[in-house]
Amino acid sequence: QVQLVESGGGLVQAGGSLRLSCAASGRTLSSYAMGWFRQCPGKEREFVARINWIGTTTYYAQSVKGRFTISRDNAKHTVYLQMNSLKPEDTAVYYCAAYPDRTGYTYTPRSWGQGTQVTVSS
């Protein structure tokens, strides 16, 4: 089982940027697709972005496409989410997740971090 720890959340004004990090321990990340999800109060957790095991393929929710970028550094066992042009509706707890396969196309994530709060003020 891989342990995931997110960091980098905080308070930012609309139009600003934040970079979230997700550090893995307990098992190497390099064989698995990784993703970011978010959850607003009173809402279901939603998909944000996904990256394959070697970082060559990414996929984004329509709501963040063109503003967010997911990347990974397997040597550092870390996945990132660069968030630009942030909007108040991006306010949520952001979760890092590990898929059980290399692409993330077939299965849902099996491991989750504890989440990091992102608040965007208008």
C-alpha atoms as a PDB file:
ATOM      1  CA  GLN A   1       0.000   0.000   0.000  1.00  0.00           C
ATOM      2  CA  VAL A   2       1.328   3.406  -0.905  1.00  0.00           C
ATOM      3  CA  GLN A   3       0.987   6.356   1.465  1.00  0.00           C
ATOM      4  CA  LEU A   4       0.290   9.736  -0.109  1.00  0.00           C
ATOM      5  CA  VAL A   5       0.772  13.143   1.495  1.00  0.00           C
ATOM      6  CA  GLU A   6      -0.397  16.325  -0.188  1.00  0.00           C
ATOM      7  CA  SER A   7       1.000  19.788   0.443  1.00  0.00           C
ATOM      8  CA  GLY A   8       0.916  23.251  -1.098  1.00  0.00           C
ATOM      9  CA  GLY A   9      -2.665  24.263  -0.457  1.00  0.00           C
ATOM     10  CA  GLY A  10      -3.598  27.655   0.915  1.00  0.00           C
ATOM     11  CA  LEU A  11      -5.460  30.891   0.369  1.00  0.00           C
ATOM     12  CA  VAL A  12      -5.004  32.748  -2.903  1.00  0.00           C
ATOM     13  CA  GLN A  13      -6.811  35.539  -4.718  1.00  0.00           C
ATOM     14  CA  ALA A  14      -8.731  34.891  -7.900  1.00  0.00           C
ATOM     15  CA  GLY A  15      -6.354  34.876 -10.855  1.00  0.00           C
ATOM     16  CA  GLY A  16      -3.487  33.615  -8.737  1.00  0.00           C
ATOM     17  CA  SER A  17      -1.562  30.358  -8.806  1.00  0.00           C
ATOM     18  CA  LEU A  18      -0.714  27.487  -6.502  1.00  0.00           C
ATOM     19  CA  ARG A  19       1.283  24.306  -6.940  1.00  0.00           C
ATOM     20  CA  LEU A  20       0.200  21.221  -5.069  1.00  0.00           C
ATOM     21  CA  SER A  21       2.590  18.372  -4.372  1.00  0.00           C
ATOM     22  CA  CYS A  22       1.887  14.752  -3.525  1.00  0.00           C
ATOM     23  CA  ALA A  23       4.705  12.749  -1.994  1.00  0.00           C
ATOM     24  CA  ALA A  24       4.546   8.973  -1.899  1.00  0.00           C
ATOM     25  CA  SER A  25       6.103   6.538   0.511  1.00  0.00           C
ATOM     26  CA  GLY A  26       5.807   2.864   1.252  1.00  0.00           C
ATOM     27  CA  ARG A  27       5.797   1.837  -2.377  1.00  0.00           C
ATOM     28  CA  THR A  28       7.193   3.295  -5.557  1.00  0.00           C
ATOM     29  CA  LEU A  29       4.924   5.536  -7.599  1.00  0.00           C
ATOM     30  CA  SER A  30       6.681   4.844 -10.856  1.00  0.00           C
ATOM     31  CA  SER A  31       4.480   1.896 -11.858  1.00  0.00           C
ATOM     32  CA  TYR A  32       1.137   3.601 -11.364  1.00  0.00           C
ATOM     33  CA  ALA A  33      -1.017   6.254 -12.911  1.00  0.00           C
ATOM     34  CA  MET A  34      -1.747   9.136 -10.552  1.00  0.00           C
ATOM     35  CA  GLY A  35      -4.600  11.575 -10.245  1.00  0.00           C
ATOM     36  CA  TRP A  36      -5.919  14.641  -8.493  1.00  0.00           C
ATOM     37  CA  PHE A  37      -9.487  14.970  -7.291  1.00  0.00           C
ATOM     38  CA  ARG A  38     -11.301  17.675  -5.345  1.00  0.00           C
ATOM     39  CA  GLN A  39     -14.297  17.966  -3.087  1.00  0.00           C
ATOM     40  CA  CYS A  40     -16.311  21.046  -2.219  1.00  0.00           C
ATOM     41  CA  PRO A  41     -18.467  21.131   0.937  1.00  0.00           C
ATOM     42  CA  GLY A  42     -21.723  19.308   0.378  1.00  0.00           C
ATOM     43  CA  LYS A  43     -20.663  17.973  -3.007  1.00  0.00           C
ATOM     44  CA  GLU A  44     -19.340  14.721  -4.377  1.00  0.00           C
ATOM     45  CA  ARG A  45     -15.625  14.282  -4.920  1.00  0.00           C
ATOM     46  CA  GLU A  46     -14.811  15.056  -8.554  1.00  0.00           C
ATOM     47  CA  PHE A  47     -12.019  14.187 -10.924  1.00  0.00           C
ATOM     48  CA  VAL A  48      -9.525  16.938 -11.771  1.00  0.00           C
ATOM     49  CA  ALA A  49      -6.583  15.432 -13.645  1.00  0.00           C
ATOM     50  CA  ARG A  50      -4.763  12.178 -14.352  1.00  0.00           C
ATOM     51  CA  ILE A  51      -1.274  11.251 -15.556  1.00  0.00           C
ATOM     52  CA  ASN A  52       0.051   7.890 -16.726  1.00  0.00           C
ATOM     53  CA  TRP A  53       2.945   6.047 -15.116  1.00  0.00           C
ATOM     54  CA  ILE A  54       5.722   7.727 -17.110  1.00  0.00           C
ATOM     55  CA  GLY A  55       4.118  11.117 -17.535  1.00  0.00           C
ATOM     56  CA  THR A  56       3.539  10.948 -21.269  1.00  0.00           C
ATOM     57  CA  THR A  57      -0.264  11.096 -21.200  1.00  0.00           C
ATOM     58  CA  THR A  58      -2.470  13.451 -19.224  1.00  0.00           C
ATOM     59  CA  TYR A  59      -6.210  13.976 -19.002  1.00  0.00           C
ATOM     60  CA  TYR A  60      -8.157  16.852 -17.449  1.00  0.00           C
ATOM     61  CA  ALA A  61     -11.648  17.725 -16.387  1.00  0.00           C
ATOM     62  CA  GLN A  62     -13.155  20.257 -18.748  1.00  0.00           C
ATOM     63  CA  SER A  63     -13.479  22.778 -15.915  1.00  0.00           C
ATOM     64  CA  VAL A  64      -9.700  22.981 -15.406  1.00  0.00           C
ATOM     65  CA  LYS A  65      -8.364  22.306 -18.900  1.00  0.00           C
ATOM     66  CA  GLY A  66      -5.941  24.997 -19.983  1.00  0.00           C
ATOM     67  CA  ARG A  67      -5.464  26.277 -16.420  1.00  0.00           C
ATOM     68  CA  PHE A  68      -4.146  23.254 -14.485  1.00  0.00           C
ATOM     69  CA  THR A  69      -1.164  21.049 -15.324  1.00  0.00           C
ATOM     70  CA  ILE A  70      -0.419  17.667 -13.781  1.00  0.00           C
ATOM     71  CA  SER A  71       3.138  16.369 -13.819  1.00  0.00           C
ATOM     72  CA  ARG A  72       5.282  13.821 -12.022  1.00  0.00           C
ATOM     73  CA  ASP A  73       8.867  13.204 -10.999  1.00  0.00           C
ATOM     74  CA  ASN A  74       9.254   9.486 -10.452  1.00  0.00           C
ATOM     75  CA  ALA A  75      12.792   9.885  -9.143  1.00  0.00           C
ATOM     76  CA  LYS A  76      11.363  12.004  -6.319  1.00  0.00           C
ATOM     77  CA  HIS A  77       8.197   9.898  -5.934  1.00  0.00           C
ATOM     78  CA  THR A  78       6.166  13.069  -6.287  1.00  0.00           C
ATOM     79  CA  VAL A  79       3.228  14.238  -8.362  1.00  0.00           C
ATOM     80  CA  TYR A  80       2.360  17.887  -8.889  1.00  0.00           C
ATOM     81  CA  LEU A  81      -0.654  19.950  -9.815  1.00  0.00           C
ATOM     82  CA  GLN A  82       0.138  23.428 -11.081  1.00  0.00           C
ATOM     83  CA  MET A  83      -2.983  25.569 -10.831  1.00  0.00           C
ATOM     84  CA  ASN A  84      -3.078  28.887 -12.678  1.00  0.00           C
ATOM     85  CA  SER A  85      -5.817  31.471 -13.221  1.00  0.00           C
ATOM     86  CA  LEU A  86      -7.597  30.208 -10.152  1.00  0.00           C
ATOM     87  CA  LYS A  87     -11.285  30.952  -9.705  1.00  0.00           C
ATOM     88  CA  PRO A  88     -13.433  31.005  -6.555  1.00  0.00           C
ATOM     89  CA  GLU A  89     -15.179  27.880  -7.821  1.00  0.00           C
ATOM     90  CA  ASP A  90     -11.853  26.035  -7.587  1.00  0.00           C
ATOM     91  CA  THR A  91     -12.140  26.257  -3.791  1.00  0.00           C
ATOM     92  CA  ALA A  92     -12.097  22.695  -2.464  1.00  0.00           C
ATOM     93  CA  VAL A  93     -10.099  20.063  -0.630  1.00  0.00           C
ATOM     94  CA  TYR A  94      -7.726  18.563  -3.171  1.00  0.00           C
ATOM     95  CA  TYR A  95      -6.809  14.898  -2.956  1.00  0.00           C
ATOM     96  CA  CYS A  96      -4.000  12.962  -4.551  1.00  0.00           C
ATOM     97  CA  ALA A  97      -4.765   9.397  -5.628  1.00  0.00           C
ATOM     98  CA  ALA A  98      -2.876   6.383  -6.949  1.00  0.00           C
ATOM     99  CA  TYR A  99      -4.438   4.085  -9.525  1.00  0.00           C
ATOM    100  CA  PRO A 100      -3.685   0.348  -9.436  1.00  0.00           C
ATOM    101  CA  ASP A 101      -2.395   0.303 -13.015  1.00  0.00           C
ATOM    102  CA  ARG A 102      -0.185   2.287 -15.376  1.00  0.00           C
ATOM    103  CA  THR A 103      -2.810   4.202 -17.343  1.00  0.00           C
ATOM    104  CA  GLY A 104      -5.685   4.972 -14.970  1.00  0.00           C
ATOM    105  CA  TYR A 105      -8.215   4.255 -17.720  1.00  0.00           C
ATOM    106  CA  THR A 106      -9.776   1.071 -16.372  1.00  0.00           C
ATOM    107  CA  TYR A 107      -9.864   1.194 -12.604  1.00  0.00           C
ATOM    108  CA  THR A 108     -10.687   3.685  -9.899  1.00  0.00           C
ATOM    109  CA  PRO A 109      -7.929   4.860  -7.532  1.00  0.00           C
ATOM    110  CA  ARG A 110      -6.973   2.529  -4.683  1.00  0.00           C
ATOM    111  CA  SER A 111      -4.937   4.862  -2.477  1.00  0.00           C
ATOM    112  CA  TRP A 112      -5.764   8.383  -1.339  1.00  0.00           C
ATOM    113  CA  GLY A 113      -4.013  11.183   0.498  1.00  0.00           C
ATOM    114  CA  GLN A 114      -5.558  13.111   3.356  1.00  0.00           C
ATOM    115  CA  GLY A 115      -6.245  16.191   1.249  1.00  0.00           C
ATOM    116  CA  THR A 116      -5.101  19.797   1.227  1.00  0.00           C
ATOM    117  CA  GLN A 117      -7.386  22.821   1.343  1.00  0.00           C
ATOM    118  CA  VAL A 118      -7.344  25.329  -1.493  1.00  0.00           C
ATOM    119  CA  THR A 119      -9.325  28.520  -1.005  1.00  0.00           C
ATOM    120  CA  VAL A 120      -9.672  31.098  -3.766  1.00  0.00           C
ATOM    121  CA  SER A 121     -11.030  34.485  -2.727  1.00  0.00           C
ATOM    122  CA  SER A 122     -12.853  36.779  -5.131  1.00  0.00           C
END
